[in-house]
Amino acid sequence: MNEQNHLYGHLAAGFSIFVWGTTFISTKVLLGAFTPLEILFFRFLIGYAALWLACPRLFRTKSKKQECLFAASGICGVTLYFLMVSESKARSKDFRLWRKKQGSAQN
């Protein structure tokens, strides 16, 4: 394996870990201003833009069945996961206390 490719792979993995790790913290902060569905929408909008910049060509599927499998895996895997994380944080007692404390600190 080429040393430059090896370094590029490690940098890409480190960046991915950094982004994934910050989503948990940023969700808590964003819930102060947005609903879980709004956070999910903006997260996917940013993700789509990032993927388009990384690879700006259309991906052609071989069949409608493959297209449906991709859609189902995206909905079941990522979408529901992020939605449930946001919902659980919004409904947790600790978050409600944190939000109340943030509101009183701004006044």
PDB file of N, CA and C in Angstrom:
ATOM      1  N   MET A   1       0.837  -1.175   0.000  1.00  0.00           N
ATOM      2  CA  MET A   1       0.000   0.000   0.000  1.00  0.00           C
ATOM      3  C   MET A   1       0.889   1.248   0.000  1.00  0.00           C
ATOM      4  N   ASN A   2       0.502   2.203  -0.753  1.00  0.00           N
ATOM      5  CA  ASN A   2       1.227   3.459  -0.857  1.00  0.00           C
ATOM      6  C   ASN A   2       1.122   4.223   0.469  1.00  0.00           C
ATOM      7  N   GLU A   3       2.215   4.808   0.930  1.00  0.00           N
ATOM      8  CA  GLU A   3       2.241   5.545   2.196  1.00  0.00           C
ATOM      9  C   GLU A   3       1.282   6.731   2.187  1.00  0.00           C
ATOM     10  N   GLN A   4       1.175   7.405   1.036  1.00  0.00           N
ATOM     11  CA  GLN A   4       0.284   8.555   0.945  1.00  0.00           C
ATOM     12  C   GLN A   4      -1.176   8.109   1.082  1.00  0.00           C
ATOM     13  N   ASN A   5      -1.539   6.994   0.453  1.00  0.00           N
ATOM     14  CA  ASN A   5      -2.899   6.474   0.590  1.00  0.00           C
ATOM     15  C   ASN A   5      -3.175   6.043   2.025  1.00  0.00           C
ATOM     16  N   HIS A   6      -2.157   5.465   2.664  1.00  0.00           N
ATOM     17  CA  HIS A   6      -2.289   5.030   4.051  1.00  0.00           C
ATOM     18  C   HIS A   6      -2.571   6.235   4.963  1.00  0.00           C
ATOM     19  N   LEU A   7      -1.837   7.314   4.763  1.00  0.00           N
ATOM     20  CA  LEU A   7      -2.038   8.529   5.544  1.00  0.00           C
ATOM     21  C   LEU A   7      -3.403   9.148   5.252  1.00  0.00           C
ATOM     22  N   TYR A   8      -3.787   9.172   3.987  1.00  0.00           N
ATOM     23  CA  TYR A   8      -5.092   9.713   3.601  1.00  0.00           C
ATOM     24  C   TYR A   8      -6.216   8.924   4.265  1.00  0.00           C
ATOM     25  N   GLY A   9      -6.098   7.621   4.306  1.00  0.00           N
ATOM     26  CA  GLY A   9      -7.113   6.782   4.953  1.00  0.00           C
ATOM     27  C   GLY A   9      -7.224   7.077   6.439  1.00  0.00           C
ATOM     28  N   HIS A  10      -6.085   7.253   7.105  1.00  0.00           N
ATOM     29  CA  HIS A  10      -6.108   7.571   8.531  1.00  0.00           C
ATOM     30  C   HIS A  10      -6.710   8.955   8.786  1.00  0.00           C
ATOM     31  N   LEU A  11      -6.382   9.922   7.954  1.00  0.00           N
ATOM     32  CA  LEU A  11      -6.954  11.262   8.104  1.00  0.00           C
ATOM     33  C   LEU A  11      -8.467  11.250   7.873  1.00  0.00           C
ATOM     34  N   ALA A  12      -8.904  10.514   6.866  1.00  0.00           N
ATOM     35  CA  ALA A  12     -10.338  10.416   6.584  1.00  0.00           C
ATOM     36  C   ALA A  12     -11.074   9.734   7.737  1.00  0.00           C
ATOM     37  N   ALA A  13     -10.482   8.683   8.294  1.00  0.00           N
ATOM     38  CA  ALA A  13     -11.099   7.999   9.432  1.00  0.00           C
ATOM     39  C   ALA A  13     -11.142   8.910  10.652  1.00  0.00           C
ATOM     40  N   GLY A  14     -10.067   9.653  10.902  1.00  0.00           N
ATOM     41  CA  GLY A  14     -10.046  10.584  12.032  1.00  0.00           C
ATOM     42  C   GLY A  14     -11.086  11.676  11.892  1.00  0.00           C
ATOM     43  N   PHE A  15     -11.241  12.193  10.682  1.00  0.00           N
ATOM     44  CA  PHE A  15     -12.258  13.215  10.433  1.00  0.00           C
ATOM     45  C   PHE A  15     -13.655  12.647  10.659  1.00  0.00           C
ATOM     46  N   SER A  16     -13.887  11.433  10.188  1.00  0.00           N
ATOM     47  CA  SER A  16     -15.184  10.785  10.367  1.00  0.00           C
ATOM     48  C   SER A  16     -15.500  10.570  11.851  1.00  0.00           C
ATOM     49  N   ILE A  17     -14.508  10.139  12.609  1.00  0.00           N
ATOM     50  CA  ILE A  17     -14.696   9.944  14.051  1.00  0.00           C
ATOM     51  C   ILE A  17     -15.010  11.267  14.731  1.00  0.00           C
ATOM     52  N   PHE A  18     -14.302  12.326  14.344  1.00  0.00           N
ATOM     53  CA  PHE A  18     -14.535  13.650  14.916  1.00  0.00           C
ATOM     54  C   PHE A  18     -15.965  14.125  14.637  1.00  0.00           C
ATOM     55  N   VAL A  19     -16.401  14.015  13.389  1.00  0.00           N
ATOM     56  CA  VAL A  19     -17.746  14.468  13.014  1.00  0.00           C
ATOM     57  C   VAL A  19     -18.801  13.645  13.741  1.00  0.00           C
ATOM     58  N   TRP A  20     -18.630  12.330  13.765  1.00  0.00           N
ATOM     59  CA  TRP A  20     -19.601  11.445  14.422  1.00  0.00           C
ATOM     60  C   TRP A  20     -19.671  11.761  15.917  1.00  0.00           C
ATOM     61  N   GLY A  21     -18.540  12.008  16.542  1.00  0.00           N
ATOM     62  CA  GLY A  21     -18.518  12.308  17.965  1.00  0.00           C
ATOM     63  C   GLY A  21     -19.164  13.629  18.318  1.00  0.00           C
ATOM     64  N   THR A  22     -19.039  14.613  17.449  1.00  0.00           N
ATOM     65  CA  THR A  22     -19.630  15.920  17.741  1.00  0.00           C
ATOM     66  C   THR A  22     -21.137  15.955  17.513  1.00  0.00           C
ATOM     67  N   THR A  23     -21.688  15.005  16.764  1.00  0.00           N
ATOM     68  CA  THR A  23     -23.134  15.025  16.522  1.00  0.00           C
ATOM     69  C   THR A  23     -23.917  14.802  17.806  1.00  0.00           C
ATOM     70  N   PHE A  24     -23.388  13.990  18.709  1.00  0.00           N
ATOM     71  CA  PHE A  24     -24.097  13.732  19.964  1.00  0.00           C
ATOM     72  C   PHE A  24     -24.191  15.005  20.796  1.00  0.00           C
ATOM     73  N   ILE A  25     -23.102  15.741  20.875  1.00  0.00           N
ATOM     74  CA  ILE A  25     -23.075  16.978  21.661  1.00  0.00           C
ATOM     75  C   ILE A  25     -23.887  18.066  20.961  1.00  0.00           C
ATOM     76  N   SER A  26     -23.732  18.186  19.666  1.00  0.00           N
ATOM     77  CA  SER A  26     -24.437  19.249  18.952  1.00  0.00           C
ATOM     78  C   SER A  26     -25.945  19.049  18.982  1.00  0.00           C
ATOM     79  N   THR A  27     -26.401  17.807  19.035  1.00  0.00           N
ATOM     80  CA  THR A  27     -27.839  17.561  19.113  1.00  0.00           C
ATOM     81  C   THR A  27     -28.414  18.164  20.389  1.00  0.00           C
ATOM     82  N   LYS A  28     -27.697  18.005  21.487  1.00  0.00           N
ATOM     83  CA  LYS A  28     -28.174  18.568  22.757  1.00  0.00           C
ATOM     84  C   LYS A  28     -28.280  20.088  22.677  1.00  0.00           C
ATOM     85  N   VAL A  29     -27.318  20.712  22.073  1.00  0.00           N
ATOM     86  CA  VAL A  29     -27.328  22.173  21.948  1.00  0.00           C
ATOM     87  C   VAL A  29     -28.423  22.614  20.975  1.00  0.00           C
ATOM     88  N   LEU A  30     -28.550  21.922  19.851  1.00  0.00           N
ATOM     89  CA  LEU A  30     -29.547  22.314  18.841  1.00  0.00           C
ATOM     90  C   LEU A  30     -30.977  22.122  19.317  1.00  0.00           C
ATOM     91  N   LEU A  31     -31.202  21.184  20.242  1.00  0.00           N
ATOM     92  CA  LEU A  31     -32.561  20.966  20.730  1.00  0.00           C
ATOM     93  C   LEU A  31     -33.099  22.178  21.494  1.00  0.00           C
ATOM     94  N   GLY A  32     -32.224  23.088  21.872  1.00  0.00           N
ATOM     95  CA  GLY A  32     -32.684  24.318  22.511  1.00  0.00           C
ATOM     96  C   GLY A  32     -33.410  25.244  21.549  1.00  0.00           C
ATOM     97  N   ALA A  33     -33.148  25.095  20.244  1.00  0.00           N
ATOM     98  CA  ALA A  33     -33.751  25.993  19.262  1.00  0.00           C
ATOM     99  C   ALA A  33     -34.584  25.277  18.195  1.00  0.00           C
ATOM    100  N   PHE A  34     -34.346  23.980  17.986  1.00  0.00           N
ATOM    101  CA  PHE A  34     -35.023  23.243  16.915  1.00  0.00           C
ATOM    102  C   PHE A  34     -35.716  22.004  17.463  1.00  0.00           C
ATOM    103  N   THR A  35     -36.709  21.518  16.714  1.00  0.00           N
ATOM    104  CA  THR A  35     -37.341  20.245  17.048  1.00  0.00           C
ATOM    105  C   THR A  35     -36.476  19.109  16.509  1.00  0.00           C
ATOM    106  N   PRO A  36     -36.675  17.879  16.999  1.00  0.00           N
ATOM    107  CA  PRO A  36     -35.894  16.759  16.484  1.00  0.00           C
ATOM    108  C   PRO A  36     -36.023  16.553  14.971  1.00  0.00           C
ATOM    109  N   LEU A  37     -37.202  16.790  14.420  1.00  0.00           N
ATOM    110  CA  LEU A  37     -37.376  16.628  12.969  1.00  0.00           C
ATOM    111  C   LEU A  37     -36.619  17.695  12.185  1.00  0.00           C
ATOM    112  N   GLU A  38     -36.577  18.909  12.693  1.00  0.00           N
ATOM    113  CA  GLU A  38     -35.808  19.957  12.025  1.00  0.00           C
ATOM    114  C   GLU A  38     -34.312  19.643  12.052  1.00  0.00           C
ATOM    115  N   ILE A  39     -33.830  19.148  13.179  1.00  0.00           N
ATOM    116  CA  ILE A  39     -32.419  18.764  13.277  1.00  0.00           C
ATOM    117  C   ILE A  39     -32.109  17.665  12.280  1.00  0.00           C
ATOM    118  N   LEU A  40     -32.993  16.679  12.181  1.00  0.00           N
ATOM    119  CA  LEU A  40     -32.807  15.580  11.235  1.00  0.00           C
ATOM    120  C   LEU A  40     -32.768  16.092   9.799  1.00  0.00           C
ATOM    121  N   PHE A  41     -33.674  17.002   9.456  1.00  0.00           N
ATOM    122  CA  PHE A  41     -33.710  17.557   8.101  1.00  0.00           C
ATOM    123  C   PHE A  41     -32.413  18.277   7.763  1.00  0.00           C
ATOM    124  N   PHE A  42     -31.952  19.159   8.663  1.00  0.00           N
ATOM    125  CA  PHE A  42     -30.722  19.909   8.399  1.00  0.00           C
ATOM    126  C   PHE A  42     -29.494  19.012   8.379  1.00  0.00           C
ATOM    127  N   ARG A  43     -29.484  17.985   9.225  1.00  0.00           N
ATOM    128  CA  ARG A  43     -28.363  17.048   9.241  1.00  0.00           C
ATOM    129  C   ARG A  43     -28.261  16.320   7.895  1.00  0.00           C
ATOM    130  N   PHE A  44     -29.398  15.909   7.352  1.00  0.00           N
ATOM    131  CA  PHE A  44     -29.374  15.232   6.064  1.00  0.00           C
ATOM    132  C   PHE A  44     -29.064  16.190   4.923  1.00  0.00           C
ATOM    133  N   LEU A  45     -29.499  17.419   5.036  1.00  0.00           N
ATOM    134  CA  LEU A  45     -29.177  18.418   4.018  1.00  0.00           C
ATOM    135  C   LEU A  45     -27.670  18.672   3.974  1.00  0.00           C
ATOM    136  N   ILE A  46     -27.056  18.808   5.137  1.00  0.00           N
ATOM    137  CA  ILE A  46     -25.602  18.997   5.203  1.00  0.00           C
ATOM    138  C   ILE A  46     -24.879  17.757   4.700  1.00  0.00           C
ATOM    139  N   GLY A  47     -25.364  16.580   5.084  1.00  0.00           N
ATOM    140  CA  GLY A  47     -24.759  15.327   4.617  1.00  0.00           C
ATOM    141  C   GLY A  47     -24.854  15.166   3.113  1.00  0.00           C
ATOM    142  N   TYR A  48     -25.993  15.527   2.547  1.00  0.00           N
ATOM    143  CA  TYR A  48     -26.158  15.432   1.101  1.00  0.00           C
ATOM    144  C   TYR A  48     -25.186  16.366   0.381  1.00  0.00           C
ATOM    145  N   ALA A  49     -25.060  17.588   0.901  1.00  0.00           N
ATOM    146  CA  ALA A  49     -24.133  18.546   0.290  1.00  0.00           C
ATOM    147  C   ALA A  49     -22.691  18.051   0.379  1.00  0.00           C
ATOM    148  N   ALA A  50     -22.316  17.474   1.522  1.00  0.00           N
ATOM    149  CA  ALA A  50     -20.956  16.960   1.680  1.00  0.00           C
ATOM    150  C   ALA A  50     -20.687  15.791   0.732  1.00  0.00           C
ATOM    151  N   LEU A  51     -21.651  14.895   0.591  1.00  0.00           N
ATOM    152  CA  LEU A  51     -21.475  13.768  -0.333  1.00  0.00           C
ATOM    153  C   LEU A  51     -21.429  14.240  -1.777  1.00  0.00           C
ATOM    154  N   TRP A  52     -22.229  15.240  -2.099  1.00  0.00           N
ATOM    155  CA  TRP A  52     -22.221  15.768  -3.466  1.00  0.00           C
ATOM    156  C   TRP A  52     -20.877  16.412  -3.797  1.00  0.00           C
ATOM    157  N   LEU A  53     -20.289  17.110  -2.814  1.00  0.00           N
ATOM    158  CA  LEU A  53     -18.966  17.699  -3.031  1.00  0.00           C
ATOM    159  C   LEU A  53     -17.891  16.624  -3.165  1.00  0.00           C
ATOM    160  N   ALA A  54     -18.028  15.553  -2.416  1.00  0.00           N
ATOM    161  CA  ALA A  54     -17.033  14.475  -2.463  1.00  0.00           C
ATOM    162  C   ALA A  54     -17.134  13.671  -3.754  1.00  0.00           C
ATOM    163  N   CYS A  55     -18.351  13.475  -4.242  1.00  0.00           N
ATOM    164  CA  CYS A  55     -18.542  12.653  -5.449  1.00  0.00           C
ATOM    165  C   CYS A  55     -19.738  13.191  -6.229  1.00  0.00           C
ATOM    166  N   PRO A  56     -19.521  14.195  -7.094  1.00  0.00           N
ATOM    167  CA  PRO A  56     -20.645  14.880  -7.750  1.00  0.00           C
ATOM    168  C   PRO A  56     -21.206  14.173  -8.991  1.00  0.00           C
ATOM    169  N   ARG A  57     -21.385  12.888  -8.918  1.00  0.00           N
ATOM    170  CA  ARG A  57     -22.012  12.183 -10.041  1.00  0.00           C
ATOM    171  C   ARG A  57     -23.170  11.354  -9.511  1.00  0.00           C
ATOM    172  N   LEU A  58     -24.121  11.073 -10.368  1.00  0.00           N
ATOM    173  CA  LEU A  58     -25.274  10.283  -9.961  1.00  0.00           C
ATOM    174  C   LEU A  58     -24.899   8.814  -9.825  1.00  0.00           C
ATOM    175  N   PHE A  59     -25.492   8.174  -8.833  1.00  0.00           N
ATOM    176  CA  PHE A  59     -25.286   6.747  -8.634  1.00  0.00           C
ATOM    177  C   PHE A  59     -26.457   6.013  -9.275  1.00  0.00           C
ATOM    178  N   ARG A  60     -26.163   5.175 -10.217  1.00  0.00           N
ATOM    179  CA  ARG A  60     -27.207   4.413 -10.920  1.00  0.00           C
ATOM    180  C   ARG A  60     -27.372   3.043 -10.277  1.00  0.00           C
ATOM    181  N   THR A  61     -28.603   2.730  -9.921  1.00  0.00           N
ATOM    182  CA  THR A  61     -28.872   1.402  -9.372  1.00  0.00           C
ATOM    183  C   THR A  61     -29.200   0.450 -10.510  1.00  0.00           C
ATOM    184  N   LYS A  62     -29.056  -0.824 -10.224  1.00  0.00           N
ATOM    185  CA  LYS A  62     -29.293  -1.835 -11.252  1.00  0.00           C
ATOM    186  C   LYS A  62     -30.771  -2.159 -11.435  1.00  0.00           C
ATOM    187  N   SER A  63     -31.559  -1.994 -10.369  1.00  0.00           N
ATOM    188  CA  SER A  63     -32.980  -2.329 -10.460  1.00  0.00           C
ATOM    189  C   SER A  63     -33.774  -1.535  -9.425  1.00  0.00           C
ATOM    190  N   LYS A  64     -35.087  -1.590  -9.551  1.00  0.00           N
ATOM    191  CA  LYS A  64     -35.968  -0.939  -8.581  1.00  0.00           C
ATOM    192  C   LYS A  64     -35.844  -1.604  -7.215  1.00  0.00           C
ATOM    193  N   LYS A  65     -35.612  -2.917  -7.204  1.00  0.00           N
ATOM    194  CA  LYS A  65     -35.453  -3.637  -5.945  1.00  0.00           C
ATOM    195  C   LYS A  65     -34.237  -3.103  -5.184  1.00  0.00           C
ATOM    196  N   GLN A  66     -33.142  -2.885  -5.886  1.00  0.00           N
ATOM    197  CA  GLN A  66     -31.942  -2.349  -5.249  1.00  0.00           C
ATOM    198  C   GLN A  66     -32.199  -0.929  -4.733  1.00  0.00           C
ATOM    199  N   GLU A  67     -32.920  -0.141  -5.485  1.00  0.00           N
ATOM    200  CA  GLU A  67     -33.280   1.216  -5.059  1.00  0.00           C
ATOM    201  C   GLU A  67     -34.108   1.173  -3.778  1.00  0.00           C
ATOM    202  N   CYS A  68     -35.075   0.267  -3.718  1.00  0.00           N
ATOM    203  CA  CYS A  68     -35.911   0.129  -2.517  1.00  0.00           C
ATOM    204  C   CYS A  68     -35.091  -0.343  -1.322  1.00  0.00           C
ATOM    205  N   LEU A  69     -34.158  -1.250  -1.540  1.00  0.00           N
ATOM    206  CA  LEU A  69     -33.294  -1.713  -0.452  1.00  0.00           C
ATOM    207  C   LEU A  69     -32.419  -0.587   0.085  1.00  0.00           C
ATOM    208  N   PHE A  70     -31.875   0.239  -0.798  1.00  0.00           N
ATOM    209  CA  PHE A  70     -31.080   1.385  -0.363  1.00  0.00           C
ATOM    210  C   PHE A  70     -31.934   2.360   0.446  1.00  0.00           C
ATOM    211  N   ALA A  71     -33.139   2.640  -0.031  1.00  0.00           N
ATOM    212  CA  ALA A  71     -34.026   3.564   0.679  1.00  0.00           C
ATOM    213  C   ALA A  71     -34.417   3.004   2.050  1.00  0.00           C
ATOM    214  N   ALA A  72     -34.755   1.732   2.107  1.00  0.00           N
ATOM    215  CA  ALA A  72     -35.149   1.107   3.376  1.00  0.00           C
ATOM    216  C   ALA A  72     -33.991   1.076   4.371  1.00  0.00           C
ATOM    217  N   SER A  73     -32.794   0.791   3.879  1.00  0.00           N
ATOM    218  CA  SER A  73     -31.646   0.756   4.797  1.00  0.00           C
ATOM    219  C   SER A  73     -31.315   2.153   5.306  1.00  0.00           C
ATOM    220  N   GLY A  74     -31.484   3.155   4.478  1.00  0.00           N
ATOM    221  CA  GLY A  74     -31.253   4.530   4.929  1.00  0.00           C
ATOM    222  C   GLY A  74     -32.273   4.973   5.960  1.00  0.00           C
ATOM    223  N   ILE A  75     -33.530   4.615   5.743  1.00  0.00           N
ATOM    224  CA  ILE A  75     -34.581   4.991   6.681  1.00  0.00           C
ATOM    225  C   ILE A  75     -34.428   4.235   7.995  1.00  0.00           C
ATOM    226  N   CYS A  76     -34.222   2.936   7.919  1.00  0.00           N
ATOM    227  CA  CYS A  76     -34.140   2.125   9.139  1.00  0.00           C
ATOM    228  C   CYS A  76     -32.826   2.336   9.885  1.00  0.00           C
ATOM    229  N   GLY A  77     -31.746   2.503   9.159  1.00  0.00           N
ATOM    230  CA  GLY A  77     -30.452   2.611   9.812  1.00  0.00           C
ATOM    231  C   GLY A  77     -30.182   3.977  10.377  1.00  0.00           C
ATOM    232  N   VAL A  78     -30.007   4.951   9.534  1.00  0.00           N
ATOM    233  CA  VAL A  78     -29.531   6.259   9.961  1.00  0.00           C
ATOM    234  C   VAL A  78     -30.666   7.168  10.404  1.00  0.00           C
ATOM    235  N   THR A  79     -31.706   7.259   9.630  1.00  0.00           N
ATOM    236  CA  THR A  79     -32.776   8.209   9.911  1.00  0.00           C
ATOM    237  C   THR A  79     -33.432   7.936  11.254  1.00  0.00           C
ATOM    238  N   LEU A  80     -33.850   6.698  11.474  1.00  0.00           N
ATOM    239  CA  LEU A  80     -34.512   6.384  12.737  1.00  0.00           C
ATOM    240  C   LEU A  80     -33.560   6.514  13.918  1.00  0.00           C
ATOM    241  N   TYR A  81     -32.295   6.180  13.719  1.00  0.00           N
ATOM    242  CA  TYR A  81     -31.326   6.311  14.802  1.00  0.00           C
ATOM    243  C   TYR A  81     -31.215   7.765  15.249  1.00  0.00           C
ATOM    244  N   PHE A  82     -30.971   8.676  14.319  1.00  0.00           N
ATOM    245  CA  PHE A  82     -30.813  10.078  14.685  1.00  0.00           C
ATOM    246  C   PHE A  82     -32.113  10.661  15.228  1.00  0.00           C
ATOM    247  N   LEU A  83     -33.242  10.256  14.680  1.00  0.00           N
ATOM    248  CA  LEU A  83     -34.520  10.751  15.178  1.00  0.00           C
ATOM    249  C   LEU A  83     -34.750  10.292  16.613  1.00  0.00           C
ATOM    250  N   MET A  84     -34.451   9.038  16.901  1.00  0.00           N
ATOM    251  CA  MET A  84     -34.656   8.526  18.256  1.00  0.00           C
ATOM    252  C   MET A  84     -33.667   9.148  19.252  1.00  0.00           C
ATOM    253  N   VAL A  85     -32.439   9.397  18.835  1.00  0.00           N
ATOM    254  CA  VAL A  85     -31.481  10.068  19.722  1.00  0.00           C
ATOM    255  C   VAL A  85     -31.988  11.465  20.057  1.00  0.00           C
ATOM    256  N   SER A  86     -32.446  12.192  19.055  1.00  0.00           N
ATOM    257  CA  SER A  86     -32.945  13.548  19.293  1.00  0.00           C
ATOM    258  C   SER A  86     -34.185  13.532  20.177  1.00  0.00           C
ATOM    259  N   GLU A  87     -35.101  12.616  19.902  1.00  0.00           N
ATOM    260  CA  GLU A  87     -36.328  12.523  20.700  1.00  0.00           C
ATOM    261  C   GLU A  87     -36.023  12.155  22.142  1.00  0.00           C
ATOM    262  N   SER A  88     -35.113  11.208  22.336  1.00  0.00           N
ATOM    263  CA  SER A  88     -34.807  10.788  23.706  1.00  0.00           C
ATOM    264  C   SER A  88     -34.146  11.915  24.488  1.00  0.00           C
ATOM    265  N   LYS A  89     -33.311  12.684  23.831  1.00  0.00           N
ATOM    266  CA  LYS A  89     -32.702  13.822  24.521  1.00  0.00           C
ATOM    267  C   LYS A  89     -33.739  14.884  24.840  1.00  0.00           C
ATOM    268  N   ALA A  90     -34.650  15.134  23.914  1.00  0.00           N
ATOM    269  CA  ALA A  90     -35.673  16.154  24.130  1.00  0.00           C
ATOM    270  C   ALA A  90     -36.614  15.759  25.259  1.00  0.00           C
ATOM    271  N   ARG A  91     -36.830  14.475  25.459  1.00  0.00           N
ATOM    272  CA  ARG A  91     -37.763  14.017  26.485  1.00  0.00           C
ATOM    273  C   ARG A  91     -37.093  13.706  27.824  1.00  0.00           C
ATOM    274  N   SER A  92     -35.784  13.733  27.880  1.00  0.00           N
ATOM    275  CA  SER A  92     -35.095  13.360  29.115  1.00  0.00           C
ATOM    276  C   SER A  92     -35.221  14.464  30.166  1.00  0.00           C
ATOM    277  N   LYS A  93     -35.250  14.052  31.424  1.00  0.00           N
ATOM    278  CA  LYS A  93     -35.379  14.991  32.531  1.00  0.00           C
ATOM    279  C   LYS A  93     -34.168  15.913  32.599  1.00  0.00           C
ATOM    280  N   ASP A  94     -32.976  15.376  32.401  1.00  0.00           N
ATOM    281  CA  ASP A  94     -31.761  16.191  32.454  1.00  0.00           C
ATOM    282  C   ASP A  94     -31.786  17.296  31.408  1.00  0.00           C
ATOM    283  N   PHE A  95     -32.265  16.982  30.196  1.00  0.00           N
ATOM    284  CA  PHE A  95     -32.294  17.999  29.146  1.00  0.00           C
ATOM    285  C   PHE A  95     -33.296  19.093  29.483  1.00  0.00           C
ATOM    286  N   ARG A  96     -34.448  18.717  30.008  1.00  0.00           N
ATOM    287  CA  ARG A  96     -35.441  19.730  30.362  1.00  0.00           C
ATOM    288  C   ARG A  96     -34.903  20.660  31.450  1.00  0.00           C
ATOM    289  N   LEU A  97     -34.167  20.104  32.421  1.00  0.00           N
ATOM    290  CA  LEU A  97     -33.565  20.943  33.454  1.00  0.00           C
ATOM    291  C   LEU A  97     -32.480  21.839  32.868  1.00  0.00           C
ATOM    292  N   TRP A  98     -31.672  21.304  31.951  1.00  0.00           N
ATOM    293  CA  TRP A  98     -30.620  22.094  31.307  1.00  0.00           C
ATOM    294  C   TRP A  98     -31.225  23.240  30.504  1.00  0.00           C
ATOM    295  N   ARG A  99     -32.305  22.942  29.771  1.00  0.00           N
ATOM    296  CA  ARG A  99     -32.964  23.975  28.964  1.00  0.00           C
ATOM    297  C   ARG A  99     -33.552  25.066  29.848  1.00  0.00           C
ATOM    298  N   LYS A 100     -34.158  24.660  30.971  1.00  0.00           N
ATOM    299  CA  LYS A 100     -34.716  25.644  31.884  1.00  0.00           C
ATOM    300  C   LYS A 100     -33.621  26.525  32.464  1.00  0.00           C
ATOM    301  N   LYS A 101     -32.482  25.930  32.795  1.00  0.00           N
ATOM    302  CA  LYS A 101     -31.361  26.695  33.339  1.00  0.00           C
ATOM    303  C   LYS A 101     -30.798  27.648  32.283  1.00  0.00           C
ATOM    304  N   GLN A 102     -30.731  27.222  31.035  1.00  0.00           N
ATOM    305  CA  GLN A 102     -30.237  28.075  29.961  1.00  0.00           C
ATOM    306  C   GLN A 102     -31.180  29.260  29.746  1.00  0.00           C
ATOM    307  N   GLY A 103     -32.464  29.014  29.820  1.00  0.00           N
ATOM    308  CA  GLY A 103     -33.445  30.090  29.648  1.00  0.00           C
ATOM    309  C   GLY A 103     -33.378  31.114  30.755  1.00  0.00           C
ATOM    310  N   SER A 104     -33.181  30.662  31.993  1.00  0.00           N
ATOM    311  CA  SER A 104     -33.091  31.611  33.105  1.00  0.00           C
ATOM    312  C   SER A 104     -31.771  32.379  33.089  1.00  0.00           C
ATOM    313  N   ALA A 105     -30.720  31.781  32.516  1.00  0.00           N
ATOM    314  CA  ALA A 105     -29.425  32.464  32.444  1.00  0.00           C
ATOM    315  C   ALA A 105     -29.441  33.594  31.409  1.00  0.00           C
ATOM    316  N   GLN A 106     -30.284  33.469  30.389  1.00  0.00           N
ATOM    317  CA  GLN A 106     -30.354  34.487  29.343  1.00  0.00           C
ATOM    318  C   GLN A 106     -31.152  35.696  29.781  1.00  0.00           C
ATOM    319  N   ASN A 107     -32.020  35.543  30.773  1.00  0.00           N
ATOM    320  CA  ASN A 107     -32.879  36.658  31.223  1.00  0.00           C
ATOM    321  C   ASN A 107     -32.182  37.541  32.175  1.00  0.00           C
TER     322      ASN A 107
END
